[in-house]
Amino acid sequence: MERRLVGRRSSSNLPDLIELVMSRPLVSAGMVAETLKVTPRAALRIVEELGLREMTGRGRFRAWGVI
C-alpha cells in the first residue's frame, strides 16, 4: 500500500486511509468519510484508489478490508 503513496500530493487523504485500514479489520464508506472528514462519495473514490478488497459482496453498504 505504501507504493501507492509515491508521487501523491502532501495533502492526500490516502496515508490517513492506510492508517485507518490497518487499525481496523473492516471499514465502511461512512466510517472512512467520518474519519477523514470527506463526503461518502469521496470516501468511495479514495478506497478505490487504494485497491482494497470488498469483503461483503454487496452493492450497497459495502465494507472493505485487507487480506
N, C-alpha and C. Protein backbone atom coordinates (compact mmCIF):
# COMPACT_ATOMS: atom_id res chain seq x y z
N MET A 1 0.82 -1.19 0.00
CA MET A 1 0.00 0.00 0.00
C MET A 1 0.86 1.26 0.00
N GLU A 2 2.02 1.16 0.60
CA GLU A 2 2.91 2.33 0.66
C GLU A 2 3.35 2.77 -0.73
N ARG A 3 3.43 1.83 -1.67
CA ARG A 3 3.84 2.18 -3.03
C ARG A 3 2.85 3.10 -3.71
N ARG A 4 1.60 3.05 -3.32
CA ARG A 4 0.59 3.91 -3.92
C ARG A 4 0.74 5.37 -3.50
N LEU A 5 1.53 5.62 -2.46
CA LEU A 5 1.74 6.99 -1.98
C LEU A 5 2.80 7.75 -2.75
N VAL A 6 3.60 7.04 -3.53
CA VAL A 6 4.68 7.69 -4.28
C VAL A 6 4.09 8.65 -5.31
N GLY A 7 4.55 9.87 -5.28
CA GLY A 7 4.10 10.87 -6.24
C GLY A 7 2.79 11.55 -5.88
N ARG A 8 2.25 11.27 -4.71
CA ARG A 8 0.99 11.88 -4.29
C ARG A 8 1.26 13.25 -3.67
N ARG A 9 0.26 14.09 -3.65
CA ARG A 9 0.37 15.39 -3.01
C ARG A 9 0.47 15.21 -1.50
N SER A 10 1.07 16.18 -0.84
CA SER A 10 1.23 16.07 0.61
C SER A 10 -0.11 16.21 1.33
N SER A 11 -1.12 16.76 0.68
CA SER A 11 -2.43 16.91 1.29
C SER A 11 -3.36 15.72 1.01
N SER A 12 -2.82 14.66 0.44
CA SER A 12 -3.62 13.48 0.09
C SER A 12 -4.17 12.81 1.35
N ASN A 13 -5.39 12.28 1.25
CA ASN A 13 -6.01 11.54 2.35
C ASN A 13 -5.62 10.07 2.35
N LEU A 14 -4.88 9.61 1.36
CA LEU A 14 -4.53 8.22 1.24
C LEU A 14 -3.71 7.70 2.43
N PRO A 15 -2.72 8.45 2.95
CA PRO A 15 -1.99 7.94 4.13
C PRO A 15 -2.89 7.75 5.34
N ASP A 16 -3.86 8.64 5.52
CA ASP A 16 -4.79 8.51 6.64
C ASP A 16 -5.70 7.29 6.46
N LEU A 17 -6.07 7.01 5.22
CA LEU A 17 -6.89 5.83 4.95
C LEU A 17 -6.09 4.56 5.24
N ILE A 18 -4.82 4.54 4.88
CA ILE A 18 -3.99 3.37 5.16
C ILE A 18 -3.91 3.13 6.67
N GLU A 19 -3.73 4.17 7.45
CA GLU A 19 -3.70 4.02 8.91
C GLU A 19 -5.02 3.47 9.43
N LEU A 20 -6.14 3.98 8.91
CA LEU A 20 -7.46 3.51 9.34
C LEU A 20 -7.66 2.04 9.01
N VAL A 21 -7.29 1.65 7.80
CA VAL A 21 -7.48 0.26 7.36
C VAL A 21 -6.59 -0.69 8.17
N MET A 22 -5.39 -0.26 8.51
CA MET A 22 -4.50 -1.13 9.28
C MET A 22 -4.94 -1.23 10.75
N SER A 23 -5.68 -0.25 11.23
CA SER A 23 -6.11 -0.29 12.63
C SER A 23 -7.42 -1.05 12.84
N ARG A 24 -8.20 -1.25 11.79
CA ARG A 24 -9.49 -1.94 11.89
C ARG A 24 -9.57 -3.04 10.84
N PRO A 25 -10.23 -4.15 11.18
CA PRO A 25 -10.34 -5.25 10.21
C PRO A 25 -11.24 -4.93 9.02
N LEU A 26 -12.31 -4.16 9.24
CA LEU A 26 -13.22 -3.77 8.17
C LEU A 26 -13.52 -2.29 8.28
N VAL A 27 -13.63 -1.63 7.13
CA VAL A 27 -14.03 -0.23 7.11
C VAL A 27 -15.16 -0.05 6.11
N SER A 28 -16.07 0.85 6.41
CA SER A 28 -17.17 1.16 5.50
C SER A 28 -16.96 2.57 4.96
N ALA A 29 -17.72 2.92 3.93
CA ALA A 29 -17.61 4.25 3.34
C ALA A 29 -17.98 5.32 4.37
N GLY A 30 -18.98 5.05 5.17
CA GLY A 30 -19.39 6.01 6.20
C GLY A 30 -18.31 6.22 7.24
N MET A 31 -17.65 5.14 7.64
CA MET A 31 -16.57 5.22 8.61
C MET A 31 -15.39 6.00 8.04
N VAL A 32 -15.06 5.75 6.78
CA VAL A 32 -13.97 6.46 6.13
C VAL A 32 -14.31 7.94 6.00
N ALA A 33 -15.55 8.22 5.57
CA ALA A 33 -15.97 9.61 5.40
C ALA A 33 -15.92 10.38 6.71
N GLU A 34 -16.37 9.76 7.79
CA GLU A 34 -16.37 10.42 9.10
C GLU A 34 -14.96 10.64 9.62
N THR A 35 -14.10 9.65 9.47
CA THR A 35 -12.74 9.75 9.98
C THR A 35 -11.90 10.75 9.20
N LEU A 36 -12.01 10.72 7.86
CA LEU A 36 -11.20 11.60 7.02
C LEU A 36 -11.85 12.95 6.75
N LYS A 37 -13.10 13.11 7.23
CA LYS A 37 -13.85 14.35 7.04
C LYS A 37 -14.02 14.71 5.57
N VAL A 38 -14.49 13.70 4.80
CA VAL A 38 -14.80 13.87 3.39
C VAL A 38 -16.23 13.38 3.16
N THR A 39 -16.76 13.60 1.97
CA THR A 39 -18.10 13.10 1.65
C THR A 39 -18.05 11.59 1.43
N PRO A 40 -19.19 10.91 1.58
CA PRO A 40 -19.21 9.46 1.34
C PRO A 40 -18.76 9.08 -0.08
N ARG A 41 -19.10 9.91 -1.08
CA ARG A 41 -18.67 9.62 -2.46
C ARG A 41 -17.16 9.73 -2.59
N ALA A 42 -16.57 10.74 -1.94
CA ALA A 42 -15.11 10.88 -1.95
C ALA A 42 -14.45 9.71 -1.24
N ALA A 43 -15.10 9.23 -0.19
CA ALA A 43 -14.57 8.06 0.53
C ALA A 43 -14.53 6.84 -0.38
N LEU A 44 -15.58 6.64 -1.17
CA LEU A 44 -15.60 5.52 -2.12
C LEU A 44 -14.47 5.65 -3.14
N ARG A 45 -14.25 6.87 -3.63
CA ARG A 45 -13.19 7.11 -4.61
C ARG A 45 -11.82 6.82 -4.02
N ILE A 46 -11.59 7.23 -2.79
CA ILE A 46 -10.29 7.02 -2.14
C ILE A 46 -10.06 5.54 -1.90
N VAL A 47 -11.11 4.82 -1.49
CA VAL A 47 -10.99 3.37 -1.27
C VAL A 47 -10.66 2.67 -2.59
N GLU A 48 -11.27 3.09 -3.68
CA GLU A 48 -10.98 2.50 -4.99
C GLU A 48 -9.54 2.77 -5.41
N GLU A 49 -9.03 3.96 -5.10
CA GLU A 49 -7.64 4.28 -5.44
C GLU A 49 -6.67 3.38 -4.70
N LEU A 50 -7.00 3.06 -3.46
CA LEU A 50 -6.11 2.22 -2.66
C LEU A 50 -6.18 0.77 -3.09
N GLY A 51 -7.30 0.37 -3.69
CA GLY A 51 -7.43 -1.00 -4.18
C GLY A 51 -7.71 -2.01 -3.09
N LEU A 52 -8.52 -1.64 -2.10
CA LEU A 52 -8.87 -2.57 -1.03
C LEU A 52 -9.84 -3.63 -1.54
N ARG A 53 -9.85 -4.75 -0.86
CA ARG A 53 -10.75 -5.83 -1.25
C ARG A 53 -12.10 -5.65 -0.57
N GLU A 54 -13.16 -5.74 -1.37
CA GLU A 54 -14.51 -5.61 -0.85
C GLU A 54 -14.90 -6.92 -0.20
N MET A 55 -15.29 -6.89 1.07
CA MET A 55 -15.49 -8.11 1.85
C MET A 55 -16.95 -8.56 1.93
N THR A 56 -17.90 -7.69 1.69
CA THR A 56 -19.30 -8.05 1.92
C THR A 56 -20.00 -8.65 0.72
N GLY A 57 -19.51 -8.39 -0.49
CA GLY A 57 -20.15 -8.94 -1.68
C GLY A 57 -21.47 -8.27 -2.00
N ARG A 58 -21.64 -7.05 -1.58
CA ARG A 58 -22.89 -6.33 -1.79
C ARG A 58 -22.64 -5.09 -2.61
N GLY A 59 -23.69 -4.57 -3.23
CA GLY A 59 -23.58 -3.32 -3.97
C GLY A 59 -23.69 -2.13 -3.05
N ARG A 60 -24.58 -2.22 -2.07
CA ARG A 60 -24.75 -1.14 -1.09
C ARG A 60 -24.27 -1.62 0.27
N PHE A 61 -23.96 -0.69 1.14
CA PHE A 61 -23.49 -0.99 2.49
C PHE A 61 -22.27 -1.90 2.46
N ARG A 62 -21.33 -1.56 1.60
CA ARG A 62 -20.13 -2.36 1.45
C ARG A 62 -19.13 -2.10 2.56
N ALA A 63 -18.27 -3.07 2.78
CA ALA A 63 -17.18 -2.92 3.73
C ALA A 63 -15.93 -3.50 3.08
N TRP A 64 -14.78 -2.88 3.34
CA TRP A 64 -13.53 -3.28 2.74
C TRP A 64 -12.54 -3.68 3.83
N GLY A 65 -11.58 -4.51 3.46
CA GLY A 65 -10.56 -4.94 4.39
C GLY A 65 -9.30 -5.34 3.65
N VAL A 66 -8.30 -5.68 4.44
CA VAL A 66 -7.01 -6.10 3.89
C VAL A 66 -6.84 -7.57 4.22
N ILE A 67 -6.45 -8.33 3.22
CA ILE A 67 -6.21 -9.76 3.44
C ILE A 67 -4.73 -10.03 3.31
